[in-house]
Amino acid sequence: MISTESIESLIPDFLMESRHFYLVVTDVDGRVLKFNQSFEKISSDPVDLSFSDFLSPNSSSEFNYSLELMLGAPKMRRHLMLEHPAIKAEGFSQVWWEFSVVTTPDMDISGIIGIGVGMQFLEQEMPWNNLVDVLGFGKIVLDKDLHVQKWDERILEWFDPEAESWENRALVEIPALKGSAQLKNVLEYISQESKPKCFLFKSNSSSLPFFAALLTPSLEGYHLFLVPKEIPKTTVSEKGLVPAHLLSAMPGAVFVLEKSGKLSQQNESAKNLGRIWKGRAYSEGYFLNFPNQQNRFSKLVRAIEEAKKGRSSDLELKMLMPDQEFSFWTAGLRPLAIEGEEQEGILIQVVDITALKSQLVQTNRENERLRDLALSPSHILRGPLSSMMGIIDLIDAKQLNKENQKLFSYLRPLTKELDQIIRQHAKKMSTFT
């Protein structure tokens, strides 16, 4: 779901002019409102025509079914492989689409936006890592023997690799994927010389049974890109645990999690903080567990686990940023309950205190300088005074006349008094600073 006052401001110019990606915006009935340059290959003048008019009969039925699902559950995204007969002359006719609902800030549905990429780019030209960023795929890295080497945070949102011991394990032996005939069939015929293979398979996950997959050779072995055929609905009600007006009024970045740890709500400051911490806003409906940044967020992850058990906590986060400067935040975690009932979720409020910390460091530095300045006179004066007292001790008063003996008798008490004053001053300055 995308919220915006103006769809015009939502779409960047590069996407409107793209020759690789298709873009279309429809109204709630599926009629085309806006399209980009690439979409003109499908139809040069599609405005006010139904998007399904440019699809094969089977794809048209699948799109219309998906449209009904999305309008009934606006937070749902749909990933569809659709057939466009009009572009067969381009050497392909299938386009992989991702559709999302567009709403106004008042949560009124204003349309549907779709971004697609042709299968010729998926099979030949497109840099594979773009699938992760652009179309929401997760990535599993395999060696040449098809053993799992690593995975990204999207995979962690759908599976539990640590609990199932994925690392260095054969892909077909992973519990979540074991027994899939489709996967086994593709793996039997894949090689380093093979073209990328697209397929659907059934996993052993009850919450996400069906996945679209793309297996492609890479320098280190293979990359397996996955995305659920259907994104599960969040179990949190549309109203959310925290009313929207209260969420937006709260200071700092505010994340609201389900009791399980999934992100269900966030304010604009939280989205901006996600861009600082991760490079993009955290996705609602997924676990806030920072899988690729465990070291940076270890304290916060532990605090979330404590909050799941009903325990509040406050902590400070310190991170080295790309500009090689440290940034600081305070995070308060509180269990959430509705009308005194059992815990329903977790509220995390994060406040940037970098400026305050910098000011505190500067103040401490200035205090140190003041302390040095305050103590310096004591060190400067006591040296010459000690020398003077030593010389006085060496003078034989008997060799002086009576008048000078009288004056000399005043020097010793005066130097001792001055020495005492300097010592008292140094002691006071040391205590004060």
Protein backbone atom coordinates (compact mmCIF):
# COMPACT_ATOMS: atom_id res chain seq x y z
CA MET A 1 0.00 0.00 0.00
CA ILE A 2 1.30 3.44 -0.98
CA SER A 3 -0.09 6.66 0.50
CA THR A 4 0.29 9.89 -1.46
CA GLU A 5 -1.62 13.08 -2.13
CA SER A 6 -0.52 13.10 -5.78
CA ILE A 7 0.43 10.14 -7.95
CA GLU A 8 2.34 12.61 -10.14
CA SER A 9 4.78 13.25 -7.28
CA LEU A 10 5.05 9.53 -6.57
CA ILE A 11 6.58 8.45 -9.89
CA PRO A 12 10.19 9.52 -10.59
CA ASP A 13 11.10 10.81 -14.04
CA PHE A 14 13.59 8.01 -14.72
CA LEU A 15 10.80 5.43 -14.33
CA MET A 16 8.52 7.34 -16.71
CA GLU A 17 11.32 7.32 -19.31
CA SER A 18 12.59 3.80 -18.61
CA ARG A 19 13.06 1.40 -21.51
CA HIS A 20 13.40 -1.60 -19.19
CA PHE A 21 10.50 -1.29 -16.77
CA TYR A 22 6.81 -1.03 -17.54
CA LEU A 23 4.69 1.25 -15.38
CA VAL A 24 0.92 1.63 -15.29
CA VAL A 25 -1.49 3.38 -12.94
CA THR A 26 -5.16 2.36 -13.02
CA ASP A 27 -8.29 3.45 -11.22
CA VAL A 28 -10.16 1.07 -8.89
CA ASP A 29 -11.95 -0.46 -11.89
CA GLY A 30 -8.67 -1.26 -13.66
CA ARG A 31 -8.90 1.50 -16.28
CA VAL A 32 -5.52 2.98 -17.28
CA LEU A 33 -4.89 6.48 -15.93
CA LYS A 34 -1.15 6.85 -16.49
CA PHE A 35 1.64 4.87 -18.14
CA ASN A 36 5.32 5.24 -19.00
CA GLN A 37 7.30 5.11 -22.23
CA SER A 38 7.86 1.34 -22.16
CA PHE A 39 4.13 0.67 -21.78
CA GLU A 40 3.60 2.26 -25.21
CA LYS A 41 4.97 -1.02 -26.66
CA ILE A 42 1.86 -2.70 -25.23
CA SER A 43 -0.50 0.11 -26.30
CA SER A 44 0.27 3.58 -27.63
CA ASP A 45 -3.01 5.05 -26.34
CA PRO A 46 -4.33 2.97 -23.40
CA VAL A 47 -5.91 5.79 -21.35
CA ASP A 48 -9.45 4.98 -20.16
CA LEU A 49 -9.15 1.44 -21.52
CA SER A 50 -9.08 -1.49 -19.12
CA PHE A 51 -5.64 -2.90 -18.32
CA SER A 52 -7.08 -6.38 -18.80
CA ASP A 53 -7.80 -5.50 -22.48
CA PHE A 54 -4.06 -5.83 -23.12
CA LEU A 55 -3.81 -9.31 -21.58
CA SER A 56 -4.42 -12.84 -22.76
CA PRO A 57 -7.69 -14.37 -21.47
CA ASN A 58 -6.00 -16.35 -18.69
CA SER A 59 -3.90 -13.37 -17.58
CA SER A 60 -6.94 -11.11 -17.73
CA SER A 61 -8.82 -13.39 -15.33
CA GLU A 62 -5.82 -13.55 -12.97
CA PHE A 63 -5.41 -9.75 -12.97
CA ASN A 64 -9.12 -9.11 -12.31
CA TYR A 65 -9.08 -11.62 -9.46
CA SER A 66 -5.98 -9.93 -7.98
CA LEU A 67 -7.62 -6.52 -8.34
CA GLU A 68 -10.55 -7.65 -6.20
CA LEU A 69 -8.18 -9.08 -3.58
CA MET A 70 -6.14 -5.86 -3.34
CA LEU A 71 -9.18 -3.60 -3.07
CA GLY A 72 -10.44 -5.79 -0.23
CA ALA A 73 -7.05 -5.77 1.53
CA PRO A 74 -5.18 -2.56 0.55
CA LYS A 75 -1.96 -3.58 2.31
CA MET A 76 -1.61 -6.60 0.04
CA ARG A 77 0.89 -6.59 -2.82
CA ARG A 78 0.49 -8.91 -5.81
CA HIS A 79 3.25 -10.42 -7.93
CA LEU A 80 1.94 -11.71 -11.25
CA MET A 81 3.44 -13.14 -14.44
CA LEU A 82 1.09 -11.78 -17.11
CA GLU A 83 0.86 -12.45 -20.85
CA HIS A 84 0.71 -9.42 -23.20
CA PRO A 85 0.06 -10.65 -26.77
CA ALA A 86 0.78 -7.17 -28.22
CA ILE A 87 4.52 -7.40 -27.49
CA LYS A 88 5.22 -10.79 -29.04
CA ALA A 89 7.05 -8.94 -31.82
CA GLU A 90 9.60 -7.90 -29.19
CA GLY A 91 10.62 -11.54 -28.84
CA PHE A 92 8.67 -12.16 -25.63
CA SER A 93 5.17 -11.62 -24.28
CA GLN A 94 5.46 -12.28 -20.55
CA VAL A 95 5.97 -9.48 -18.03
CA TRP A 96 6.57 -9.92 -14.31
CA TRP A 97 4.39 -7.35 -12.50
CA GLU A 98 4.18 -6.09 -8.94
CA PHE A 99 0.94 -4.28 -8.08
CA SER A 100 0.22 -2.11 -5.03
CA VAL A 101 -2.80 -0.11 -3.89
CA VAL A 102 -2.45 3.70 -3.89
CA THR A 103 -4.35 5.60 -1.19
CA THR A 104 -4.79 9.21 -0.17
CA PRO A 105 -3.46 10.36 3.24
CA ASP A 106 -7.07 9.92 4.45
CA MET A 107 -6.85 6.22 3.49
CA ASP A 108 -9.23 6.50 0.55
CA ILE A 109 -8.23 4.15 -2.30
CA SER A 110 -7.31 6.20 -5.37
CA GLY A 111 -5.96 3.54 -7.70
CA ILE A 112 -3.49 0.74 -8.42
CA ILE A 113 0.14 1.12 -9.47
CA GLY A 114 2.02 -1.63 -11.28
CA ILE A 115 5.70 -1.95 -12.14
CA GLY A 116 6.78 -4.74 -14.49
CA VAL A 117 9.86 -6.12 -16.23
CA GLY A 118 9.90 -8.21 -19.39
CA MET A 119 11.07 -11.81 -19.24
CA GLN A 120 13.84 -11.13 -21.77
CA PHE A 121 15.57 -8.96 -19.16
CA LEU A 122 14.98 -11.49 -16.42
CA GLU A 123 16.55 -14.20 -18.58
CA GLN A 124 19.39 -12.28 -20.23
CA GLU A 125 20.07 -8.64 -19.54
CA MET A 126 18.89 -7.51 -16.14
CA PRO A 127 21.42 -7.35 -13.25
CA TRP A 128 20.04 -9.97 -10.86
CA ASN A 129 20.62 -8.04 -7.66
CA ASN A 130 18.10 -5.47 -8.93
CA LEU A 131 15.41 -8.07 -8.29
CA VAL A 132 16.02 -7.68 -4.58
CA ASP A 133 15.68 -3.90 -4.58
CA VAL A 134 13.11 -3.33 -7.30
CA LEU A 135 10.68 -6.25 -7.17
CA GLY A 136 10.97 -7.36 -3.54
CA PHE A 137 12.69 -10.70 -4.11
CA GLY A 138 14.73 -12.43 -1.44
CA LYS A 139 18.08 -13.96 -2.38
CA ILE A 140 19.81 -17.21 -1.41
CA VAL A 141 23.47 -17.60 -2.44
CA LEU A 142 24.50 -21.15 -3.41
CA ASP A 143 27.90 -22.63 -4.22
CA LYS A 144 28.54 -24.67 -7.38
CA ASP A 145 27.30 -27.82 -5.60
CA LEU A 146 24.00 -26.09 -4.76
CA HIS A 147 24.80 -25.83 -1.05
CA VAL A 148 23.48 -22.76 0.77
CA GLN A 149 26.16 -20.17 1.62
CA LYS A 150 24.14 -17.16 2.79
CA TRP A 151 20.79 -15.39 2.51
CA ASP A 152 19.39 -11.88 2.83
CA GLU A 153 16.92 -10.30 5.24
CA ARG A 154 13.91 -10.95 2.98
CA ILE A 155 14.52 -14.68 3.27
CA LEU A 156 14.56 -14.27 7.06
CA GLU A 157 11.09 -12.73 6.86
CA TRP A 158 9.69 -15.89 5.26
CA PHE A 159 11.84 -18.72 6.68
CA ASP A 160 13.99 -19.56 9.73
CA PRO A 161 17.42 -20.52 8.30
CA GLU A 162 19.19 -20.53 11.67
CA ALA A 163 16.77 -22.94 13.29
CA GLU A 164 16.86 -25.24 10.23
CA SER A 165 20.68 -25.02 9.90
CA TRP A 166 20.76 -23.91 6.27
CA GLU A 167 24.44 -22.96 6.05
CA ASN A 168 26.49 -25.38 3.88
CA ARG A 169 23.45 -27.62 3.55
CA ALA A 170 22.20 -28.92 0.18
CA LEU A 171 19.25 -26.85 -1.03
CA VAL A 172 17.03 -29.90 -1.55
CA GLU A 173 17.70 -31.00 2.06
CA ILE A 174 16.44 -27.78 3.67
CA PRO A 175 13.29 -28.67 5.67
CA ALA A 176 11.28 -25.73 4.32
CA LEU A 177 12.03 -26.73 0.70
CA LYS A 178 12.49 -30.48 0.98
CA GLY A 179 10.16 -32.58 -1.16
CA SER A 180 9.36 -29.91 -3.74
CA ALA A 181 9.14 -31.73 -7.08
CA GLN A 182 9.34 -28.47 -9.02
CA LEU A 183 12.54 -27.39 -7.27
CA LYS A 184 14.11 -30.82 -7.60
CA ASN A 185 13.34 -30.92 -11.31
CA VAL A 186 14.97 -27.52 -11.96
CA LEU A 187 18.06 -28.40 -9.94
CA GLU A 188 18.58 -31.63 -11.88
CA TYR A 189 19.05 -29.76 -15.15
CA ILE A 190 20.74 -26.56 -14.03
CA SER A 191 24.41 -25.92 -14.89
CA GLN A 192 26.82 -22.99 -15.10
CA GLU A 193 26.01 -22.74 -18.82
CA SER A 194 22.23 -22.78 -18.31
CA LYS A 195 20.02 -19.78 -18.80
CA PRO A 196 18.15 -18.55 -15.70
CA LYS A 197 15.14 -20.72 -14.86
CA CYS A 198 11.79 -19.30 -13.69
CA PHE A 199 9.38 -21.60 -11.87
CA LEU A 200 6.76 -21.87 -9.12
CA PHE A 201 7.11 -24.29 -6.22
CA LYS A 202 5.34 -25.26 -3.01
CA SER A 203 7.22 -24.86 0.26
CA ASN A 204 6.62 -26.61 3.57
CA SER A 205 5.72 -23.33 5.25
CA SER A 206 2.08 -23.17 6.33
CA SER A 207 1.99 -19.36 6.29
CA LEU A 208 3.61 -19.00 2.84
CA PRO A 209 3.09 -22.20 0.83
CA PHE A 210 3.72 -20.97 -2.73
CA PHE A 211 6.75 -19.11 -4.08
CA ALA A 212 7.82 -17.75 -7.45
CA ALA A 213 11.49 -18.50 -8.03
CA LEU A 214 14.31 -17.68 -10.40
CA LEU A 215 17.57 -19.67 -10.37
CA THR A 216 20.53 -18.14 -12.18
CA PRO A 217 24.27 -18.99 -12.41
CA SER A 218 26.68 -16.58 -10.71
CA LEU A 219 30.43 -16.24 -10.23
CA GLU A 220 30.39 -18.05 -6.88
CA GLY A 221 27.83 -20.66 -7.94
CA TYR A 222 24.13 -19.80 -8.19
CA HIS A 223 21.61 -17.26 -6.93
CA LEU A 224 18.08 -18.35 -6.06
CA PHE A 225 15.62 -15.44 -6.00
CA LEU A 226 12.29 -16.03 -4.22
CA VAL A 227 9.11 -14.09 -3.64
CA PRO A 228 5.81 -15.33 -2.17
CA LYS A 229 3.04 -15.76 -4.70
CA GLU A 230 0.79 -14.03 -2.18
CA ILE A 231 1.97 -11.73 0.63
CA PRO A 232 0.15 -12.74 3.83
CA LYS A 233 -2.15 -10.26 5.45
CA THR A 234 -1.02 -8.79 8.73
CA THR A 235 -3.01 -10.00 11.72
CA VAL A 236 -3.22 -6.49 13.16
CA SER A 237 -6.51 -4.72 12.52
CA GLU A 238 -6.64 -1.92 9.95
CA LYS A 239 -7.14 0.57 12.78
CA GLY A 240 -3.87 -0.51 14.38
CA LEU A 241 -2.91 -0.69 18.02
CA VAL A 242 -2.14 3.03 18.13
CA PRO A 243 -4.58 5.55 16.56
CA ALA A 244 -3.05 7.22 13.50
CA HIS A 245 -3.43 10.77 14.87
CA LEU A 246 -1.66 9.79 18.09
CA LEU A 247 1.09 7.97 16.21
CA SER A 248 1.85 11.03 14.08
CA ALA A 249 1.82 13.33 17.12
CA MET A 250 4.32 11.31 19.14
CA PRO A 251 7.85 12.76 19.18
CA GLY A 252 10.69 10.84 17.60
CA ALA A 253 10.54 7.71 15.46
CA VAL A 254 7.77 5.38 16.63
CA PHE A 255 7.48 1.72 15.63
CA VAL A 256 4.51 -0.41 16.68
CA LEU A 257 5.09 -4.16 16.60
CA GLU A 258 2.75 -7.08 16.96
CA LYS A 259 3.50 -9.22 19.99
CA SER A 260 5.37 -11.62 17.67
CA GLY A 261 7.74 -8.82 16.64
CA LYS A 262 6.28 -7.98 13.22
CA LEU A 263 6.13 -4.29 12.33
CA SER A 264 2.49 -3.19 12.07
CA GLN A 265 2.66 0.63 12.24
CA GLN A 266 5.24 3.41 12.00
CA ASN A 267 5.20 7.18 11.73
CA GLU A 268 7.03 9.27 9.13
CA SER A 269 9.99 9.79 11.45
CA ALA A 270 10.33 6.00 11.75
CA LYS A 271 10.36 5.64 7.97
CA ASN A 272 13.09 8.29 7.76
CA LEU A 273 15.05 6.50 10.48
CA GLY A 274 14.78 3.28 8.49
CA ARG A 275 16.38 5.07 5.55
CA ILE A 276 19.26 6.11 7.82
CA TRP A 277 19.73 2.70 9.41
CA LYS A 278 18.97 0.47 6.43
CA GLY A 279 18.86 2.61 3.29
CA ARG A 280 15.07 2.31 2.97
CA ALA A 281 12.06 2.31 5.27
CA TYR A 282 11.29 -0.90 7.12
CA SER A 283 8.38 -2.84 5.61
CA GLU A 284 5.19 -3.24 7.60
CA GLY A 285 4.14 -6.84 8.01
CA TYR A 286 7.70 -8.13 8.46
CA PHE A 287 9.77 -8.89 11.55
CA LEU A 288 11.83 -6.04 12.95
CA ASN A 289 14.84 -8.23 13.75
CA PHE A 290 17.71 -6.53 11.83
CA PRO A 291 19.04 -9.84 10.45
CA ASN A 292 21.96 -8.33 8.51
CA GLN A 293 22.97 -5.86 11.23
CA GLN A 294 22.90 -7.97 14.38
CA ASN A 295 26.06 -6.42 15.81
CA ARG A 296 24.77 -2.86 15.46
CA PHE A 297 21.35 -3.62 16.89
CA SER A 298 22.12 -6.39 19.39
CA LYS A 299 20.92 -4.31 22.37
CA LEU A 300 17.69 -3.37 20.60
CA VAL A 301 17.03 -6.98 19.53
CA ARG A 302 17.47 -8.14 23.14
CA ALA A 303 15.16 -5.37 24.35
CA ILE A 304 12.49 -6.43 21.82
CA GLU A 305 12.70 -10.00 23.12
CA GLU A 306 12.26 -8.68 26.68
CA ALA A 307 9.30 -6.54 25.57
CA LYS A 308 7.63 -9.65 24.11
CA LYS A 309 7.69 -10.99 27.67
CA GLY A 310 6.03 -7.84 28.99
CA ARG A 311 9.14 -6.06 30.26
CA SER A 312 9.85 -2.40 29.49
CA SER A 313 13.35 -1.09 28.90
CA ASP A 314 15.31 2.02 27.95
CA LEU A 315 18.62 1.95 26.15
CA GLU A 316 21.06 4.05 24.16
CA LEU A 317 22.25 3.17 20.66
CA LYS A 318 25.59 4.31 19.26
CA MET A 319 26.51 3.73 15.62
CA LEU A 320 29.36 4.69 13.33
CA MET A 321 27.82 6.30 10.25
CA PRO A 322 29.18 6.37 6.65
CA ASP A 323 30.70 9.80 7.26
CA GLN A 324 32.84 8.19 10.00
CA GLU A 325 31.02 10.14 12.71
CA PHE A 326 29.07 8.54 15.53
CA SER A 327 25.32 9.04 15.91
CA PHE A 328 23.33 8.41 19.06
CA TRP A 329 19.72 7.50 19.83
CA THR A 330 17.70 6.66 22.91
CA ALA A 331 15.12 3.89 22.55
CA GLY A 332 12.24 3.23 24.90
CA LEU A 333 10.33 -0.05 24.57
CA ARG A 334 6.92 -0.54 26.19
CA PRO A 335 4.47 -3.46 25.99
CA LEU A 336 1.06 -2.42 24.58
CA ALA A 337 -2.27 -3.63 25.88
CA ILE A 338 -5.77 -2.55 24.85
CA GLU A 339 -8.10 -1.61 27.71
CA GLY A 340 -6.14 -3.56 30.30
CA GLU A 341 -6.34 -6.87 28.42
CA GLU A 342 -3.42 -9.14 27.53
CA GLN A 343 -0.40 -7.65 25.77
CA GLU A 344 -1.16 -6.99 22.11
CA GLY A 345 2.09 -5.49 20.90
CA ILE A 346 5.19 -3.43 21.53
CA LEU A 347 5.77 0.30 21.16
CA ILE A 348 9.32 1.46 20.35
CA GLN A 349 10.08 5.18 20.53
CA VAL A 350 13.49 6.25 19.23
CA VAL A 351 14.83 9.78 19.72
CA ASP A 352 17.93 11.14 17.99
CA ILE A 353 20.24 12.60 20.63
CA THR A 354 23.28 13.08 18.39
CA ALA A 355 23.09 16.88 18.64
CA LEU A 356 22.67 16.67 22.43
CA LYS A 357 25.60 14.27 22.70
CA SER A 358 27.78 16.54 20.56
CA GLN A 359 26.85 19.50 22.75
CA LEU A 360 27.63 17.47 25.89
CA VAL A 361 31.02 16.43 24.50
CA GLN A 362 31.76 20.05 23.61
CA THR A 363 30.73 21.17 27.11
CA ASN A 364 32.98 18.55 28.70
CA ARG A 365 35.88 19.68 26.56
CA GLU A 366 35.30 23.30 27.57
CA ASN A 367 35.10 22.26 31.24
CA GLU A 368 38.44 20.50 30.89
CA ARG A 369 39.97 23.61 29.43
CA LEU A 370 38.48 25.72 32.25
CA ARG A 371 39.83 23.25 34.78
CA ASP A 372 43.30 23.53 33.26
CA LEU A 373 43.05 27.32 33.29
CA ALA A 374 41.86 27.30 36.90
CA LEU A 375 44.67 25.02 38.06
CA SER A 376 47.41 26.64 36.00
CA PRO A 377 47.93 29.69 38.33
CA SER A 378 48.53 27.34 41.26
CA HIS A 379 51.24 25.45 39.36
CA ILE A 380 52.74 28.64 37.96
CA LEU A 381 52.93 30.46 41.31
CA ARG A 382 53.99 27.61 43.57
CA GLY A 383 57.25 27.02 41.69
CA PRO A 384 58.73 30.51 42.19
CA LEU A 385 57.25 30.68 45.70
CA SER A 386 59.00 27.47 46.72
CA SER A 387 62.27 28.89 45.43
CA MET A 388 61.72 32.09 47.40
CA MET A 389 61.02 30.12 50.60
CA GLY A 390 64.18 28.11 50.07
CA ILE A 391 66.30 31.26 49.65
CA ILE A 392 64.78 32.82 52.80
CA ASP A 393 65.79 29.69 54.73
CA LEU A 394 69.39 30.18 53.56
CA ILE A 395 69.67 33.84 54.63
CA ASP A 396 71.42 34.41 58.00
CA ALA A 397 69.37 37.13 59.71
CA LYS A 398 72.19 37.75 62.25
CA GLN A 399 74.31 39.31 59.55
CA LEU A 400 71.64 41.98 58.91
CA ASN A 401 71.35 45.21 60.85
CA LYS A 402 68.47 45.65 63.22
CA GLU A 403 66.26 47.49 60.71
CA ASN A 404 66.71 44.82 58.01
CA GLN A 405 66.25 42.04 60.60
CA LYS A 406 62.87 43.55 61.45
CA LEU A 407 61.83 43.65 57.78
CA PHE A 408 63.21 40.16 57.14
CA SER A 409 61.16 38.76 60.02
CA TYR A 410 57.99 39.67 58.05
CA LEU A 411 59.01 37.70 54.93
CA ARG A 412 58.78 34.14 56.31
CA PRO A 413 55.17 34.43 57.64
CA LEU A 414 54.09 36.18 54.44
CA THR A 415 55.52 33.47 52.19
CA LYS A 416 53.90 30.74 54.30
CA GLU A 417 50.58 32.58 54.17
CA LEU A 418 50.84 32.93 50.40
CA ASP A 419 51.74 29.25 50.08
CA GLN A 420 48.66 28.33 52.15
CA ILE A 421 46.38 30.56 50.04
CA ILE A 422 47.65 28.98 46.81
CA ARG A 423 47.12 25.46 48.21
CA GLN A 424 43.56 26.30 49.33
CA HIS A 425 42.79 27.80 45.90
CA ALA A 426 44.08 24.69 44.11
CA LYS A 427 42.02 22.45 46.39
CA LYS A 428 38.83 24.45 45.75
CA MET A 429 39.39 24.45 41.97
CA SER A 430 40.01 20.70 41.99
CA THR A 431 36.75 20.08 43.87
CA PHE A 432 34.75 22.48 41.69
CA THR A 433 35.89 21.12 38.36
